[in-house]
C-alpha atoms as a PDB file:
ATOM      1  CA  UNK A   1      12.078  24.014   7.255  1.00  0.00           C
ATOM      2  CA  UNK A   2      11.548  22.092  10.519  1.00  0.00           C
ATOM      3  CA  UNK A   3      12.269  25.262  12.509  1.00  0.00           C
ATOM      4  CA  UNK A   4       9.523  27.054  10.571  1.00  0.00           C
ATOM      5  CA  UNK A   5       7.103  24.248  11.401  1.00  0.00           C
ATOM      6  CA  UNK A   6       7.785  24.622  15.131  1.00  0.00           C
ATOM      7  CA  UNK A   7       5.611  27.740  15.199  1.00  0.00           C
ATOM      8  CA  UNK A   8       2.516  25.580  14.766  1.00  0.00           C
ATOM      9  CA  UNK A   9       3.069  23.845  18.090  1.00  0.00           C
ATOM     10  CA  UNK A  10       3.558  20.302  19.349  1.00  0.00           C
ATOM     11  CA  UNK A  11      -0.030  19.175  18.755  1.00  0.00           C
ATOM     12  CA  UNK A  12       0.013  20.095  15.059  1.00  0.00           C
ATOM     13  CA  UNK A  13       3.444  18.519  14.556  1.00  0.00           C
ATOM     14  CA  UNK A  14       3.019  15.246  16.452  1.00  0.00           C
ATOM     15  CA  UNK A  15      -0.759  14.786  16.888  1.00  0.00           C
ATOM     16  CA  UNK A  16      -0.867  13.156  20.353  1.00  0.00           C
ATOM     17  CA  UNK A  17      -4.454  11.953  19.764  1.00  0.00           C
ATOM     18  CA  UNK A  18      -3.387  10.070  16.650  1.00  0.00           C
ATOM     19  CA  UNK A  19      -0.415   8.660  18.572  1.00  0.00           C
ATOM     20  CA  UNK A  20      -2.737   7.446  21.327  1.00  0.00           C
ATOM     21  CA  UNK A  21      -5.023   5.807  18.754  1.00  0.00           C
ATOM     22  CA  UNK A  22      -2.098   3.988  17.124  1.00  0.00           C
ATOM     23  CA  UNK A  23      -0.895   2.804  20.554  1.00  0.00           C
ATOM     24  CA  UNK A  24      -4.353   1.484  21.441  1.00  0.00           C
ATOM     25  CA  UNK A  25      -4.682  -0.375  18.129  1.00  0.00           C
ATOM     26  CA  UNK A  26      -1.215  -1.900  18.565  1.00  0.00           C
ATOM     27  CA  UNK A  27      -1.954  -2.924  22.163  1.00  0.00           C
ATOM     28  CA  UNK A  28      -5.250  -4.503  21.055  1.00  0.00           C
ATOM     29  CA  UNK A  29      -3.385  -6.448  18.361  1.00  0.00           C
ATOM     30  CA  UNK A  30      -0.909  -7.880  20.883  1.00  0.00           C
ATOM     31  CA  UNK A  31      -3.712  -8.858  23.256  1.00  0.00           C
ATOM     32  CA  UNK A  32      -5.555 -10.627  20.423  1.00  0.00           C
ATOM     33  CA  UNK A  33      -2.520 -12.569  19.141  1.00  0.00           C
ATOM     34  CA  UNK A  34      -1.387 -13.260  22.701  1.00  0.00           C
ATOM     35  CA  UNK A  35      -3.639 -13.558  25.748  1.00  0.00           C
ATOM     36  CA  UNK A  36      -6.948 -13.647  23.822  1.00  0.00           C
ATOM     37  CA  UNK A  37      -5.771 -16.003  21.086  1.00  0.00           C
ATOM     38  CA  UNK A  38      -7.683 -18.944  22.546  1.00  0.00           C
ATOM     39  CA  UNK A  39     -11.018 -17.281  21.727  1.00  0.00           C
ATOM     40  CA  UNK A  40     -10.415 -17.676  17.974  1.00  0.00           C
ATOM     41  CA  UNK A  41     -10.966 -20.844  15.951  1.00  0.00           C
ATOM     42  CA  UNK A  42      -7.766 -22.405  14.636  1.00  0.00           C
ATOM     43  CA  UNK A  43      -5.552 -19.860  16.386  1.00  0.00           C
ATOM     44  CA  UNK A  44      -1.853 -20.658  16.639  1.00  0.00           C
ATOM     45  CA  UNK A  45       1.114 -18.746  18.025  1.00  0.00           C
ATOM     46  CA  UNK A  46       2.187 -15.765  15.920  1.00  0.00           C
ATOM     47  CA  UNK A  47       5.876 -15.521  15.045  1.00  0.00           C
ATOM     48  CA  UNK A  48       8.006 -12.426  15.567  1.00  0.00           C
ATOM     49  CA  UNK A  49       8.241 -11.697  11.862  1.00  0.00           C
ATOM     50  CA  UNK A  50       4.463 -11.330  11.540  1.00  0.00           C
ATOM     51  CA  UNK A  51       4.308  -9.101  14.612  1.00  0.00           C
ATOM     52  CA  UNK A  52       7.161  -6.979  13.262  1.00  0.00           C
ATOM     53  CA  UNK A  53       5.280  -6.390  10.001  1.00  0.00           C
ATOM     54  CA  UNK A  54       2.270  -5.093  11.929  1.00  0.00           C
ATOM     55  CA  UNK A  55       4.317  -2.846  14.220  1.00  0.00           C
ATOM     56  CA  UNK A  56       6.245  -1.361  11.279  1.00  0.00           C
ATOM     57  CA  UNK A  57       2.973  -0.620   9.480  1.00  0.00           C
ATOM     58  CA  UNK A  58       1.645   1.203  12.557  1.00  0.00           C
ATOM     59  CA  UNK A  59       4.861   3.203  13.033  1.00  0.00           C
ATOM     60  CA  UNK A  60       4.838   4.287   9.385  1.00  0.00           C
ATOM     61  CA  UNK A  61       1.156   5.186   9.615  1.00  0.00           C
ATOM     62  CA  UNK A  62       1.807   7.442  12.591  1.00  0.00           C
ATOM     63  CA  UNK A  63       4.819   9.094  10.948  1.00  0.00           C
ATOM     64  CA  UNK A  64       2.846   9.811   7.773  1.00  0.00           C
ATOM     65  CA  UNK A  65      -0.534  10.774   9.236  1.00  0.00           C
ATOM     66  CA  UNK A  66       0.296  11.913  12.760  1.00  0.00           C
ATOM     67  CA  UNK A  67       3.843  13.232  12.506  1.00  0.00           C
ATOM     68  CA  UNK A  68       5.462  16.244  10.802  1.00  0.00           C
ATOM     69  CA  UNK A  69       5.047  14.639   7.347  1.00  0.00           C
ATOM     70  CA  UNK A  70       1.307  15.326   7.492  1.00  0.00           C
ATOM     71  CA  UNK A  71       1.804  19.008   8.335  1.00  0.00           C
ATOM     72  CA  UNK A  72       4.608  19.345   5.799  1.00  0.00           C
ATOM     73  CA  UNK A  73       2.285  17.884   3.174  1.00  0.00           C
ATOM     74  CA  UNK A  74       0.135  21.026   3.447  1.00  0.00           C
ATOM     75  CA  UNK A  75       3.100  23.191   2.433  1.00  0.00           C
ATOM     76  CA  UNK A  76       4.897  21.020  -0.104  1.00  0.00           C
ATOM     77  CA  UNK A  77       3.170  18.926  -2.746  1.00  0.00           C
ATOM     78  CA  UNK A  78       6.252  16.692  -2.886  1.00  0.00           C
ATOM     79  CA  UNK A  79       5.806  15.882   0.824  1.00  0.00           C
ATOM     80  CA  UNK A  80       2.130  15.141   0.200  1.00  0.00           C
ATOM     81  CA  UNK A  81       2.993  12.679  -2.587  1.00  0.00           C
ATOM     82  CA  UNK A  82       5.620  11.022  -0.392  1.00  0.00           C
ATOM     83  CA  UNK A  83       2.928  10.587   2.241  1.00  0.00           C
ATOM     84  CA  UNK A  84       0.509   9.157  -0.337  1.00  0.00           C
ATOM     85  CA  UNK A  85       3.089   6.696  -1.661  1.00  0.00           C
ATOM     86  CA  UNK A  86       3.925   5.319   1.791  1.00  0.00           C
ATOM     87  CA  UNK A  87       0.333   5.183   3.068  1.00  0.00           C
ATOM     88  CA  UNK A  88      -1.108   3.440  -0.006  1.00  0.00           C
ATOM     89  CA  UNK A  89       1.827   1.501  -1.459  1.00  0.00           C
ATOM     90  CA  UNK A  90       4.001   0.551   1.530  1.00  0.00           C
ATOM     91  CA  UNK A  91       1.748   0.280   4.589  1.00  0.00           C
ATOM     92  CA  UNK A  92      -1.085  -1.966   3.212  1.00  0.00           C
ATOM     93  CA  UNK A  93       1.148  -4.946   2.261  1.00  0.00           C
ATOM     94  CA  UNK A  94       2.967  -4.718   5.607  1.00  0.00           C
ATOM     95  CA  UNK A  95      -0.378  -4.546   7.412  1.00  0.00           C
ATOM     96  CA  UNK A  96      -1.695  -7.615   5.547  1.00  0.00           C
ATOM     97  CA  UNK A  97       1.497  -9.579   6.266  1.00  0.00           C
ATOM     98  CA  UNK A  98       1.117  -8.622   9.933  1.00  0.00           C
ATOM     99  CA  UNK A  99      -2.309 -10.258  10.246  1.00  0.00           C
ATOM    100  CA  UNK A 100      -2.119 -14.014  11.002  1.00  0.00           C
ATOM    101  CA  UNK A 101      -4.393 -16.170   8.792  1.00  0.00           C
ATOM    102  CA  UNK A 102      -6.645 -17.296  11.655  1.00  0.00           C
ATOM    103  CA  UNK A 103      -7.338 -13.682  12.630  1.00  0.00           C
ATOM    104  CA  UNK A 104      -7.980 -12.673   9.017  1.00  0.00           C
ATOM    105  CA  UNK A 105     -10.514 -15.505   8.643  1.00  0.00           C
ATOM    106  CA  UNK A 106     -12.297 -14.400  11.824  1.00  0.00           C
ATOM    107  CA  UNK A 107     -12.838 -10.938  10.318  1.00  0.00           C
ATOM    108  CA  UNK A 108     -13.406 -11.402   6.592  1.00  0.00           C
ATOM    109  CA  UNK A 109     -15.612 -14.505   6.835  1.00  0.00           C
ATOM    110  CA  UNK A 110     -18.205 -12.881   9.082  1.00  0.00           C
ATOM    111  CA  UNK A 111     -21.698 -13.097   7.607  1.00  0.00           C
ATOM    112  CA  UNK A 112     -22.389  -9.894   5.704  1.00  0.00           C
ATOM    113  CA  UNK A 113     -18.689  -9.088   5.353  1.00  0.00           C
ATOM    114  CA  UNK A 114     -17.643 -12.138   3.321  1.00  0.00           C
ATOM    115  CA  UNK A 115     -19.584 -11.447   0.059  1.00  0.00           C
ATOM    116  CA  UNK A 116     -18.555  -7.773   0.043  1.00  0.00           C
ATOM    117  CA  UNK A 117     -14.928  -8.648   0.745  1.00  0.00           C
ATOM    118  CA  UNK A 118     -14.910 -11.380  -1.909  1.00  0.00           C
ATOM    119  CA  UNK A 119     -16.274  -8.949  -4.503  1.00  0.00           C
ATOM    120  CA  UNK A 120     -13.868  -6.081  -3.873  1.00  0.00           C
ATOM    121  CA  UNK A 121     -10.777  -8.317  -3.634  1.00  0.00           C
ATOM    122  CA  UNK A 122     -11.335  -9.892  -7.038  1.00  0.00           C
ATOM    123  CA  UNK A 123      -8.067  -9.036  -8.809  1.00  0.00           C
ATOM    124  CA  UNK A 124      -9.511  -7.094 -11.750  1.00  0.00           C
ATOM    125  CA  UNK A 125     -11.979  -5.129  -9.618  1.00  0.00           C
ATOM    126  CA  UNK A 126      -9.371  -4.347  -6.935  1.00  0.00           C
ATOM    127  CA  UNK A 127      -6.872  -3.246  -9.588  1.00  0.00           C
ATOM    128  CA  UNK A 128      -9.271  -0.885 -11.359  1.00  0.00           C
ATOM    129  CA  UNK A 129     -10.849   0.404  -8.138  1.00  0.00           C
ATOM    130  CA  UNK A 130      -7.659   1.623  -6.475  1.00  0.00           C
ATOM    131  CA  UNK A 131      -6.024   3.084  -9.559  1.00  0.00           C
ATOM    132  CA  UNK A 132      -9.281   4.694 -10.670  1.00  0.00           C
ATOM    133  CA  UNK A 133      -9.870   6.338  -7.284  1.00  0.00           C
ATOM    134  CA  UNK A 134      -6.236   7.428  -7.045  1.00  0.00           C
ATOM    135  CA  UNK A 135      -6.420   9.094 -10.468  1.00  0.00           C
ATOM    136  CA  UNK A 136      -9.757  10.774  -9.683  1.00  0.00           C
ATOM    137  CA  UNK A 137      -8.352  12.109  -6.407  1.00  0.00           C
ATOM    138  CA  UNK A 138      -5.631  13.984  -8.291  1.00  0.00           C
ATOM    139  CA  UNK A 139      -7.973  15.744 -10.695  1.00  0.00           C
ATOM    140  CA  UNK A 140      -7.289  19.388  -9.678  1.00  0.00           C
ATOM    141  CA  UNK A 141     -10.914  20.399  -9.029  1.00  0.00           C
ATOM    142  CA  UNK A 142     -11.639  17.340  -6.882  1.00  0.00           C
ATOM    143  CA  UNK A 143      -8.272  17.551  -5.122  1.00  0.00           C
ATOM    144  CA  UNK A 144      -8.822  21.147  -3.975  1.00  0.00           C
ATOM    145  CA  UNK A 145     -12.354  20.401  -2.742  1.00  0.00           C
ATOM    146  CA  UNK A 146     -11.208  17.335  -0.777  1.00  0.00           C
ATOM    147  CA  UNK A 147      -8.201  19.112   0.746  1.00  0.00           C
ATOM    148  CA  UNK A 148     -10.351  21.937   2.132  1.00  0.00           C
ATOM    149  CA  UNK A 149     -13.188  19.858   3.642  1.00  0.00           C
ATOM    150  CA  UNK A 150     -12.319  17.988   6.837  1.00  0.00           C
ATOM    151  CA  UNK A 151     -15.116  15.391   6.692  1.00  0.00           C
ATOM    152  CA  UNK A 152     -14.695  14.737   2.973  1.00  0.00           C
ATOM    153  CA  UNK A 153     -10.929  14.483   3.370  1.00  0.00           C
ATOM    154  CA  UNK A 154     -11.326  11.914   6.146  1.00  0.00           C
ATOM    155  CA  UNK A 155     -13.822   9.832   4.159  1.00  0.00           C
ATOM    156  CA  UNK A 156     -11.703   9.870   1.000  1.00  0.00           C
ATOM    157  CA  UNK A 157      -8.560   8.924   2.955  1.00  0.00           C
ATOM    158  CA  UNK A 158     -10.304   5.886   4.469  1.00  0.00           C
ATOM    159  CA  UNK A 159     -11.835   4.833   1.133  1.00  0.00           C
ATOM    160  CA  UNK A 160      -8.455   5.082  -0.607  1.00  0.00           C
ATOM    161  CA  UNK A 161      -6.789   3.031   2.140  1.00  0.00           C
ATOM    162  CA  UNK A 162      -9.466   0.317   1.911  1.00  0.00           C
ATOM    163  CA  UNK A 163      -9.091   0.298  -1.886  1.00  0.00           C
ATOM    164  CA  UNK A 164      -5.297  -0.023  -1.489  1.00  0.00           C
ATOM    165  CA  UNK A 165      -5.834  -2.901   0.964  1.00  0.00           C
ATOM    166  CA  UNK A 166      -8.075  -4.670  -1.575  1.00  0.00           C
ATOM    167  CA  UNK A 167      -5.532  -4.053  -4.338  1.00  0.00           C
ATOM    168  CA  UNK A 168      -2.697  -5.615  -2.308  1.00  0.00           C
ATOM    169  CA  UNK A 169      -4.737  -8.518  -0.924  1.00  0.00           C
ATOM    170  CA  UNK A 170      -4.492 -10.858  -3.978  1.00  0.00           C
ATOM    171  CA  UNK A 171      -0.711 -10.402  -3.996  1.00  0.00           C
ATOM    172  CA  UNK A 172       0.419 -10.815  -0.387  1.00  0.00           C
ATOM    173  CA  UNK A 173      -2.340 -12.467   1.690  1.00  0.00           C
ATOM    174  CA  UNK A 174      -1.341 -15.651   3.534  1.00  0.00           C
ATOM    175  CA  UNK A 175      -4.642 -17.570   3.298  1.00  0.00           C
ATOM    176  CA  UNK A 176      -4.433 -20.746   1.197  1.00  0.00           C
ATOM    177  CA  UNK A 177      -8.050 -20.472   0.049  1.00  0.00           C
ATOM    178  CA  UNK A 178      -7.527 -16.854  -1.045  1.00  0.00           C
ATOM    179  CA  UNK A 179      -4.695 -17.552  -3.495  1.00  0.00           C
ATOM    180  CA  UNK A 180      -6.598 -16.464  -6.600  1.00  0.00           C
ATOM    181  CA  UNK A 181      -3.525 -15.729  -8.712  1.00  0.00           C
ATOM    182  CA  UNK A 182      -0.717 -18.017  -9.794  1.00  0.00           C
ATOM    183  CA  UNK A 183       2.829 -16.677  -9.568  1.00  0.00           C
ATOM    184  CA  UNK A 184       2.826 -15.848 -13.275  1.00  0.00           C
ATOM    185  CA  UNK A 185      -0.491 -13.995 -12.988  1.00  0.00           C
ATOM    186  CA  UNK A 186       0.851 -12.048 -10.009  1.00  0.00           C
ATOM    187  CA  UNK A 187       3.707 -10.792 -12.176  1.00  0.00           C
ATOM    188  CA  UNK A 188       1.183  -9.590 -14.760  1.00  0.00           C
ATOM    189  CA  UNK A 189      -0.951  -8.042 -12.009  1.00  0.00           C
ATOM    190  CA  UNK A 190       1.960  -5.936 -10.732  1.00  0.00           C
ATOM    191  CA  UNK A 191       2.887  -4.876 -14.252  1.00  0.00           C
ATOM    192  CA  UNK A 192      -0.714  -3.779 -14.932  1.00  0.00           C
ATOM    193  CA  UNK A 193      -0.778  -1.941 -11.606  1.00  0.00           C
ATOM    194  CA  UNK A 194       2.277   0.082 -12.575  1.00  0.00           C
ATOM    195  CA  UNK A 195       0.819   0.926 -15.980  1.00  0.00           C
ATOM    196  CA  UNK A 196      -2.515   2.092 -14.532  1.00  0.00           C
ATOM    197  CA  UNK A 197      -0.806   4.374 -12.012  1.00  0.00           C
ATOM    198  CA  UNK A 198       1.350   6.039 -14.657  1.00  0.00           C
ATOM    199  CA  UNK A 199      -1.232   8.490 -16.157  1.00  0.00           C
ATOM    200  CA  UNK A 200      -1.840  10.259 -12.827  1.00  0.00           C
ATOM    201  CA  UNK A 201       1.909  10.602 -12.233  1.00  0.00           C
ATOM    202  CA  UNK A 202       2.506  11.748 -15.817  1.00  0.00           C
ATOM    203  CA  UNK A 203      -0.179  14.445 -15.501  1.00  0.00           C
ATOM    204  CA  UNK A 204       1.644  15.849 -12.478  1.00  0.00           C
ATOM    205  CA  UNK A 205       5.205  15.443 -13.768  1.00  0.00           C
ATOM    206  CA  UNK A 206       4.701  16.990 -17.205  1.00  0.00           C
ATOM    207  CA  UNK A 207       2.328  19.832 -16.292  1.00  0.00           C
ATOM    208  CA  UNK A 208       3.983  23.188 -17.057  1.00  0.00           C
ATOM    209  CA  UNK A 209       1.806  25.123 -14.607  1.00  0.00           C
ATOM    210  CA  UNK A 210       0.605  24.666 -11.042  1.00  0.00           C
ATOM    211  CA  UNK A 211      -2.459  22.426 -10.919  1.00  0.00           C
ATOM    212  CA  UNK A 212      -3.623  22.762  -7.314  1.00  0.00           C
ATOM    213  CA  UNK A 213      -4.908  25.957  -5.712  1.00  0.00           C
ATOM    214  CA  UNK A 214      -4.325  24.577  -2.214  1.00  0.00           C
ATOM    215  CA  UNK A 215      -0.569  25.003  -2.808  1.00  0.00           C
ATOM    216  CA  UNK A 216      -0.597  28.381  -4.579  1.00  0.00           C
ATOM    217  CA  UNK A 217      -3.688  30.363  -3.528  1.00  0.00           C
ATOM    218  CA  UNK A 218      -3.300  31.773  -0.002  1.00  0.00           C
ATOM    219  CA  UNK A 219      -6.991  31.577   0.966  1.00  0.00           C
ATOM    220  CA  UNK A 220      -7.377  27.968  -0.259  1.00  0.00           C
ATOM    221  CA  UNK A 221      -4.092  27.038   1.396  1.00  0.00           C
ATOM    222  CA  UNK A 222      -5.116  28.475   4.788  1.00  0.00           C
ATOM    223  CA  UNK A 223      -8.436  26.631   4.532  1.00  0.00           C
ATOM    224  CA  UNK A 224      -6.615  23.362   3.822  1.00  0.00           C
ATOM    225  CA  UNK A 225      -4.126  24.032   6.632  1.00  0.00           C
ATOM    226  CA  UNK A 226      -6.995  24.376   9.120  1.00  0.00           C
ATOM    227  CA  UNK A 227      -7.555  20.612   8.782  1.00  0.00           C
ATOM    228  CA  UNK A 228      -4.498  19.950  10.973  1.00  0.00           C
ATOM    229  CA  UNK A 229      -3.854  23.326  12.655  1.00  0.00           C
ATOM    230  CA  UNK A 230      -6.475  25.023  14.870  1.00  0.00           C
ATOM    231  CA  UNK A 231      -7.884  28.140  13.110  1.00  0.00           C
ATOM    232  CA  UNK A 232      -7.209  30.220  16.237  1.00  0.00           C
ATOM    233  CA  UNK A 233      -3.497  29.400  15.991  1.00  0.00           C
ATOM    234  CA  UNK A 234      -3.433  30.269  12.282  1.00  0.00           C
ATOM    235  CA  UNK A 235      -5.048  33.635  13.067  1.00  0.00           C
ATOM    236  CA  UNK A 236      -2.531  34.343  15.829  1.00  0.00           C
ATOM    237  CA  UNK A 237       0.399  33.811  13.464  1.00  0.00           C
ATOM    238  CA  UNK A 238      -0.629  36.682  11.204  1.00  0.00           C
ATOM    239  CA  UNK A 239      -0.271  36.740   7.435  1.00  0.00           C
ATOM    240  CA  UNK A 240       0.930  33.383   6.110  1.00  0.00           C
ATOM    241  CA  UNK A 241       1.624  32.120   2.601  1.00  0.00           C
ATOM    242  CA  UNK A 242       2.655  28.667   1.316  1.00  0.00           C
ATOM    243  CA  UNK A 243       5.892  29.961  -0.236  1.00  0.00           C
ATOM    244  CA  UNK A 244       7.133  30.821   3.281  1.00  0.00           C
ATOM    245  CA  UNK A 245       7.589  27.092   3.933  1.00  0.00           C
ATOM    246  CA  UNK A 246       8.757  25.853   0.538  1.00  0.00           C
ATOM    247  CA  UNK A 247      12.126  26.581  -1.050  1.00  0.00           C
ATOM    248  CA  UNK A 248      11.011  25.258  -4.453  1.00  0.00           C
ATOM    249  CA  UNK A 249       8.788  27.070  -6.975  1.00  0.00           C
ATOM    250  CA  UNK A 250       5.260  25.531  -7.035  1.00  0.00           C
ATOM    251  CA  UNK A 251       5.648  23.916 -10.476  1.00  0.00           C
ATOM    252  CA  UNK A 252       9.005  22.312  -9.614  1.00  0.00           C
ATOM    253  CA  UNK A 253       7.664  21.095  -6.276  1.00  0.00           C
ATOM    254  CA  UNK A 254       4.656  19.626  -8.088  1.00  0.00           C
ATOM    255  CA  UNK A 255       6.864  17.849 -10.628  1.00  0.00           C
ATOM    256  CA  UNK A 256       9.103  16.551  -7.848  1.00  0.00           C
ATOM    257  CA  UNK A 257       6.030  15.123  -6.139  1.00  0.00           C
ATOM    258  CA  UNK A 258       5.073  13.163  -9.251  1.00  0.00           C
ATOM    259  CA  UNK A 259       8.624  11.862  -9.633  1.00  0.00           C
ATOM    260  CA  UNK A 260       8.786  10.783  -5.967  1.00  0.00           C
ATOM    261  CA  UNK A 261       5.480   8.945  -6.288  1.00  0.00           C
ATOM    262  CA  UNK A 262       6.660   7.097  -9.387  1.00  0.00           C
ATOM    263  CA  UNK A 263      10.060   6.228  -7.888  1.00  0.00           C
ATOM    264  CA  UNK A 264       8.551   4.823  -4.676  1.00  0.00           C
ATOM    265  CA  UNK A 265       5.985   2.908  -6.729  1.00  0.00           C
ATOM    266  CA  UNK A 266       8.730   1.382  -8.900  1.00  0.00           C
ATOM    267  CA  UNK A 267      10.820   0.430  -5.847  1.00  0.00           C
ATOM    268  CA  UNK A 268       7.878  -1.190  -4.040  1.00  0.00           C
ATOM    269  CA  UNK A 269       6.502  -2.979  -7.090  1.00  0.00           C
ATOM    270  CA  UNK A 270      10.005  -4.032  -8.160  1.00  0.00           C
ATOM    271  CA  UNK A 271      10.677  -5.517  -4.717  1.00  0.00           C
ATOM    272  CA  UNK A 272       7.402  -7.459  -4.718  1.00  0.00           C
ATOM    273  CA  UNK A 273       7.980  -8.502  -8.332  1.00  0.00           C
ATOM    274  CA  UNK A 274      11.424  -9.864  -7.497  1.00  0.00           C
ATOM    275  CA  UNK A 275      10.143 -11.711  -4.431  1.00  0.00           C
ATOM    276  CA  UNK A 276       7.302 -13.353  -6.386  1.00  0.00           C
ATOM    277  CA  UNK A 277       9.596 -14.258  -9.292  1.00  0.00           C
ATOM    278  CA  UNK A 278      12.224 -15.947  -7.109  1.00  0.00           C
ATOM    279  CA  UNK A 279       9.499 -17.687  -5.101  1.00  0.00           C
ATOM    280  CA  UNK A 280       8.029 -19.005  -8.346  1.00  0.00           C
ATOM    281  CA  UNK A 281      11.465 -20.097  -9.617  1.00  0.00           C
ATOM    282  CA  UNK A 282      12.154 -21.927  -6.351  1.00  0.00           C
ATOM    283  CA  UNK A 283       8.840 -23.806  -6.558  1.00  0.00           C
ATOM    284  CA  UNK A 284       9.595 -24.824 -10.136  1.00  0.00           C
ATOM    285  CA  UNK A 285      13.022 -26.144  -9.111  1.00  0.00           C
ATOM    286  CA  UNK A 286      11.505 -28.094  -6.226  1.00  0.00           C
ATOM    287  CA  UNK A 287       8.905 -29.528  -8.579  1.00  0.00           C
ATOM    288  CA  UNK A 288      11.635 -30.646 -10.988  1.00  0.00           C
ATOM    289  CA  UNK A 289      13.550 -32.339  -8.158  1.00  0.00           C
ATOM    290  CA  UNK A 290      10.647 -34.685  -7.433  1.00  0.00           C
ATOM    291  CA  UNK A 291       9.897 -35.537 -11.068  1.00  0.00           C
ATOM    292  CA  UNK A 292      11.333 -38.822 -12.371  1.00  0.00           C
ATOM    293  CA  UNK A 293      14.196 -38.386 -14.803  1.00  0.00           C
ATOM    294  CA  UNK A 294      13.316 -39.918 -18.164  1.00  0.00           C
ATOM    295  CA  UNK A 295      16.331 -38.507 -19.973  1.00  0.00           C
ATOM    296  CA  UNK A 296      18.953 -41.016 -18.817  1.00  0.00           C
ATOM    297  CA  UNK A 297      19.633 -43.803 -21.352  1.00  0.00           C
ATOM    298  CA  UNK A 298      18.345 -47.206 -20.371  1.00  0.00           C
ATOM    299  CA  UNK A 299      20.011 -50.522 -21.209  1.00  0.00           C
ATOM    300  CA  UNK A 300      17.687 -52.321 -23.596  1.00  0.00           C
ATOM    301  CA  UNK A 301      18.340 -56.025 -24.026  1.00  0.00           C
ATOM    302  CA  UNK A 302      17.405 -57.565 -27.376  1.00  0.00           C
ATOM    303  CA  UNK A 303      14.503 -59.919 -27.180  1.00  0.00           C
ATOM    304  CA  UNK A 304      15.488 -63.554 -27.623  1.00  0.00           C
ATOM    305  CA  UNK A 305      13.349 -65.690 -29.913  1.00  0.00           C
ATOM    306  CA  UNK A 306      13.300 -69.506 -29.776  1.00  0.00           C
ATOM    307  CA  UNK A 307      15.301 -71.109 -32.560  1.00  0.00           C
ATOM    308  CA  UNK A 308      13.257 -72.845 -35.242  1.00  0.00           C
ATOM    309  CA  UNK A 309      14.176 -76.354 -36.408  1.00  0.00           C
ATOM    310  CA  UNK A 310      15.599 -76.619 -39.920  1.00  0.00           C
ATOM    311  CA  UNK A 311      13.208 -77.616 -42.647  1.00  0.00           C
ATOM    312  CA  UNK A 312      13.832 -81.006 -44.357  1.00  0.00           C
END
């Protein structure tokens, strides 16, 4: 498979422009949390763990959107769904954890940004927004239109990422004033998130025919491929078809994509669920340690009454 992809050239496989952009963003981050930190109110030193979260999110973003995974996603629906799962379910929480609280406050509390941010990160709105947009994206007619229009594809990708960011914010943000959900409510939030994502995955997994023309129709596929491969290169390669790069039949590849999406979702949500549960349990234990113990028996002395003189 990788050998077949080599024919599209280094630029299509590794996207040096995207790599340069990721490097610039990462360098800017390290300047902000390092040398330029003094320009921000309440700024403190950022630990290695926080920096590691940010770097990992950038590396994953490049692999999924600038590396071979992006090109492979035009040939295999299963690769596309793997890309979607990582970009919208794995990268946003890592990105949020990589932003120190003082930097987050400097961005989201800017006049004009704050009310919009507050609205879209309300738990119920964020939950419905992301899952609704994700489901709409996978409606076959809309999917094929988006995949064959470069500008529309770029806009939708950004909107979905912002929606995913808003969806993850109530769960993993580190700002004390932004803790809108208790630990118990966070558990319910994750459960609801998994339920809302299920219909889109079920539609893909249980369909008995190919849903998307961009993976079966040669003309639609070539048009979608032109989003990451120069049209002149496609023309120079002669007659191409999607089945040349996929060993699975379209329906099986489609079903595999739905299964991969659901598995990654369950792993990510299960990990976050476990972390929140044990964090909640630890807080409850600590709370019990500082509560006075009223269960131990106390020695109660009988009250002594003065003796009364005998009556004559």
